[in-house]
Amino acid sequence: MNTLHILGTGNAAVTKCYNTCFAIKLDEEDYLLVDGGGGNGILAQLKHAEITLHNVHHLFLSHAHTDHILGVVWVLRVIALQVNRGQYDGHLTVYGHRDVLDKLDTICNLTIGKAYGNVKGNNIFFKLVEDKQKFEILGYEMESFDLGSTKEKQFGFQMTLKDGQRLA
């Protein structure tokens, strides 16, 4: 059932591939997007993987480096526009630690503006996760953890799949 879609790999300065991010198919329709890469190329990567934003309702953001967060801004921009046009069902939950969620919110307020402000807290929700916090996404047990980075606060997660295997 679960499928891992690698949407990007590499580091912040790559020129011939997209930055690090991936998606996990959780059920027949829903995906968990992990990070967003470095820009609007995320939209092309999702299209290439045949994943529509209509099916992305969960997003885990590990940290605020540009090669992970800027693609998320584009995802939120498109979803905000879709919500405002009545073209997006449900809501999107963005999971992350305090620093990364604050930075994402600031960037979105400054760059997306009213379209984002109209849906924040109504259709787009930020879910704060702490070190060693357990939470659930569509019946999957999740646990966030602090990577202990000295450059930028970074979180990862461990996910228990339906067959008992773990993905970290």
Protein backbone atom coordinates (compact mmCIF):
# COMPACT_ATOMS: atom_id res chain seq x y z
CA MET A 1 0.00 0.00 0.00
CA ASN A 2 2.66 2.55 1.00
CA THR A 3 4.76 3.96 -1.78
CA LEU A 4 7.75 6.24 -1.33
CA HIS A 5 8.16 8.89 -4.06
CA ILE A 6 11.56 10.59 -4.11
CA LEU A 7 10.90 14.06 -5.49
CA GLY A 8 14.36 15.51 -5.03
CA THR A 9 17.81 14.81 -3.70
CA GLY A 10 21.09 16.63 -3.38
CA ASN A 11 22.17 19.71 -1.50
CA ALA A 12 21.25 23.38 -1.55
CA ALA A 13 23.49 24.23 -4.50
CA VAL A 14 22.43 21.52 -6.97
CA THR A 15 21.82 22.67 -10.53
CA LYS A 16 20.90 19.45 -12.35
CA CYS A 17 18.37 17.98 -9.93
CA TYR A 18 15.71 19.14 -7.50
CA ASN A 19 16.41 19.62 -3.79
CA THR A 20 15.62 17.06 -1.14
CA CYS A 21 11.98 16.15 -0.54
CA PHE A 22 9.76 13.09 -0.82
CA ALA A 23 6.17 11.92 -0.52
CA ILE A 24 4.70 8.82 1.10
CA LYS A 25 1.40 7.42 -0.13
CA LEU A 26 -0.62 6.73 3.01
CA ASP A 27 -3.78 5.23 1.51
CA GLU A 28 -5.61 5.18 -1.81
CA GLU A 29 -5.68 8.98 -2.06
CA ASP A 30 -3.68 10.70 0.69
CA TYR A 31 -0.01 11.60 0.74
CA LEU A 32 2.40 12.87 3.36
CA LEU A 33 4.83 15.34 1.79
CA VAL A 34 8.17 15.66 3.59
CA ASP A 35 9.87 19.00 2.97
CA GLY A 36 9.35 20.88 -0.25
CA GLY A 37 12.70 21.38 -1.88
CA GLY A 38 13.96 24.80 -2.87
CA GLY A 39 11.30 26.43 -5.01
CA ASN A 40 8.43 26.12 -7.44
CA GLY A 41 10.07 23.05 -9.00
CA ILE A 42 8.14 21.09 -6.38
CA LEU A 43 5.03 21.58 -8.51
CA ALA A 44 6.69 19.94 -11.52
CA GLN A 45 8.12 17.15 -9.37
CA LEU A 46 4.68 16.37 -7.95
CA LYS A 47 3.15 16.41 -11.43
CA HIS A 48 5.89 14.09 -12.73
CA ALA A 49 5.15 11.69 -9.83
CA GLU A 50 1.40 11.95 -10.64
CA ILE A 51 0.62 13.40 -7.20
CA THR A 52 -1.91 16.22 -7.15
CA LEU A 53 -2.04 18.73 -4.33
CA HIS A 54 -5.67 17.69 -3.87
CA ASN A 55 -4.24 14.51 -2.34
CA VAL A 56 -1.66 16.19 -0.08
CA HIS A 57 -3.21 16.80 3.34
CA HIS A 58 -0.15 16.30 5.55
CA LEU A 59 3.26 17.92 5.29
CA PHE A 60 6.25 17.42 7.61
CA LEU A 61 8.83 20.20 7.47
CA SER A 62 12.19 19.21 8.92
CA HIS A 63 14.01 22.54 8.98
CA ALA A 64 14.18 26.04 7.53
CA HIS A 65 17.06 25.82 5.07
CA THR A 66 16.01 27.27 1.72
CA ASP A 67 16.41 23.92 -0.06
CA HIS A 68 13.71 22.41 2.18
CA ILE A 69 11.29 25.26 2.98
CA LEU A 70 10.86 27.35 -0.18
CA GLY A 71 9.01 24.62 -2.06
CA VAL A 72 6.57 24.45 0.84
CA VAL A 73 5.77 28.13 0.27
CA TRP A 74 4.72 27.24 -3.29
CA VAL A 75 2.63 24.30 -2.06
CA LEU A 76 0.83 26.54 0.43
CA ARG A 77 0.35 29.23 -2.22
CA VAL A 78 -1.31 26.85 -4.66
CA ILE A 79 -3.44 25.19 -1.97
CA ALA A 80 -4.52 28.61 -0.64
CA LEU A 81 -5.59 29.63 -4.14
CA GLN A 82 -7.42 26.33 -4.63
CA VAL A 83 -9.23 26.70 -1.29
CA ASN A 84 -10.26 30.26 -2.13
CA ARG A 85 -11.67 29.01 -5.46
CA GLY A 86 -13.47 26.06 -3.87
CA GLN A 87 -11.13 23.58 -5.57
CA TYR A 88 -9.47 21.95 -2.53
CA ASP A 89 -11.34 19.59 -0.23
CA GLY A 90 -10.40 19.17 3.39
CA HIS A 91 -7.42 20.79 5.01
CA LEU A 92 -3.64 20.67 5.05
CA THR A 93 -1.73 20.13 8.29
CA VAL A 94 1.91 21.23 8.35
CA TYR A 95 3.95 19.53 11.09
CA GLY A 96 7.18 21.04 12.35
CA HIS A 97 9.10 22.44 15.30
CA ARG A 98 8.49 25.99 16.55
CA ASP A 99 11.35 27.69 14.64
CA VAL A 100 10.52 26.20 11.24
CA LEU A 101 6.78 26.88 11.55
CA ASP A 102 7.42 30.49 12.60
CA LYS A 103 9.77 31.05 9.65
CA LEU A 104 7.35 29.43 7.18
CA ASP A 105 4.47 31.54 8.48
CA THR A 106 6.53 34.73 8.15
CA ILE A 107 7.59 33.93 4.57
CA CYS A 108 4.00 33.07 3.58
CA ASN A 109 2.60 36.22 5.17
CA LEU A 110 5.17 38.34 3.33
CA THR A 111 4.93 36.64 -0.06
CA ILE A 112 1.49 35.08 -0.46
CA GLY A 113 -0.47 37.66 1.49
CA LYS A 114 -4.27 37.71 1.59
CA ALA A 115 -4.82 34.34 -0.13
CA TYR A 116 -2.76 32.71 2.63
CA GLY A 117 -4.27 34.80 5.42
CA ASN A 118 -7.79 33.75 4.37
CA VAL A 119 -7.07 30.03 4.83
CA LYS A 120 -4.54 29.95 7.67
CA GLY A 121 -6.27 28.44 10.68
CA ASN A 122 -9.28 27.41 8.57
CA ASN A 123 -7.92 25.08 5.88
CA ILE A 124 -4.17 25.23 6.53
CA PHE A 125 -3.10 24.31 10.04
CA PHE A 126 0.31 24.30 11.69
CA LYS A 127 0.90 21.47 14.16
CA LEU A 128 3.81 22.03 16.52
CA VAL A 129 5.86 18.90 17.23
CA GLU A 130 8.40 18.52 20.00
CA ASP A 131 11.33 16.17 20.48
CA LYS A 132 10.13 12.59 21.13
CA GLN A 133 6.49 13.60 20.65
CA LYS A 134 4.12 10.89 19.45
CA PHE A 135 1.26 11.79 17.14
CA GLU A 136 -0.88 10.14 14.49
CA ILE A 137 -1.48 10.77 10.80
CA LEU A 138 -4.34 8.76 9.22
CA GLY A 139 -3.84 5.90 11.67
CA TYR A 140 -0.05 5.82 11.33
CA GLU A 141 1.92 6.16 14.53
CA MET A 142 4.51 8.91 14.23
CA GLU A 143 7.24 10.11 16.56
CA SER A 144 9.24 13.27 15.94
CA PHE A 145 12.83 13.66 17.07
CA ASP A 146 15.44 16.40 17.23
CA LEU A 147 18.47 15.59 15.07
CA GLY A 148 20.75 17.67 17.28
CA SER A 149 22.03 19.79 14.41
CA THR A 150 24.34 22.63 15.40
CA LYS A 151 23.62 24.68 12.24
CA GLU A 152 19.82 24.84 12.12
CA LYS A 153 17.30 23.11 14.36
CA GLN A 154 16.22 20.00 12.45
CA PHE A 155 13.63 17.36 13.21
CA GLY A 156 13.04 13.97 11.70
CA PHE A 157 10.32 11.42 12.36
CA GLN A 158 9.79 7.73 12.72
CA MET A 159 6.64 6.28 11.19
CA THR A 160 5.22 2.85 11.97
CA LEU A 161 3.75 1.33 8.82
CA LYS A 162 0.62 -0.84 8.87
CA ASP A 163 2.73 -4.04 8.64
CA GLY A 164 4.76 -3.00 11.70
CA GLN A 165 7.86 -1.91 9.79
CA ARG A 166 9.31 1.47 10.67
CA LEU A 167 10.40 4.25 8.37
CA ALA A 168 12.67 6.96 9.76
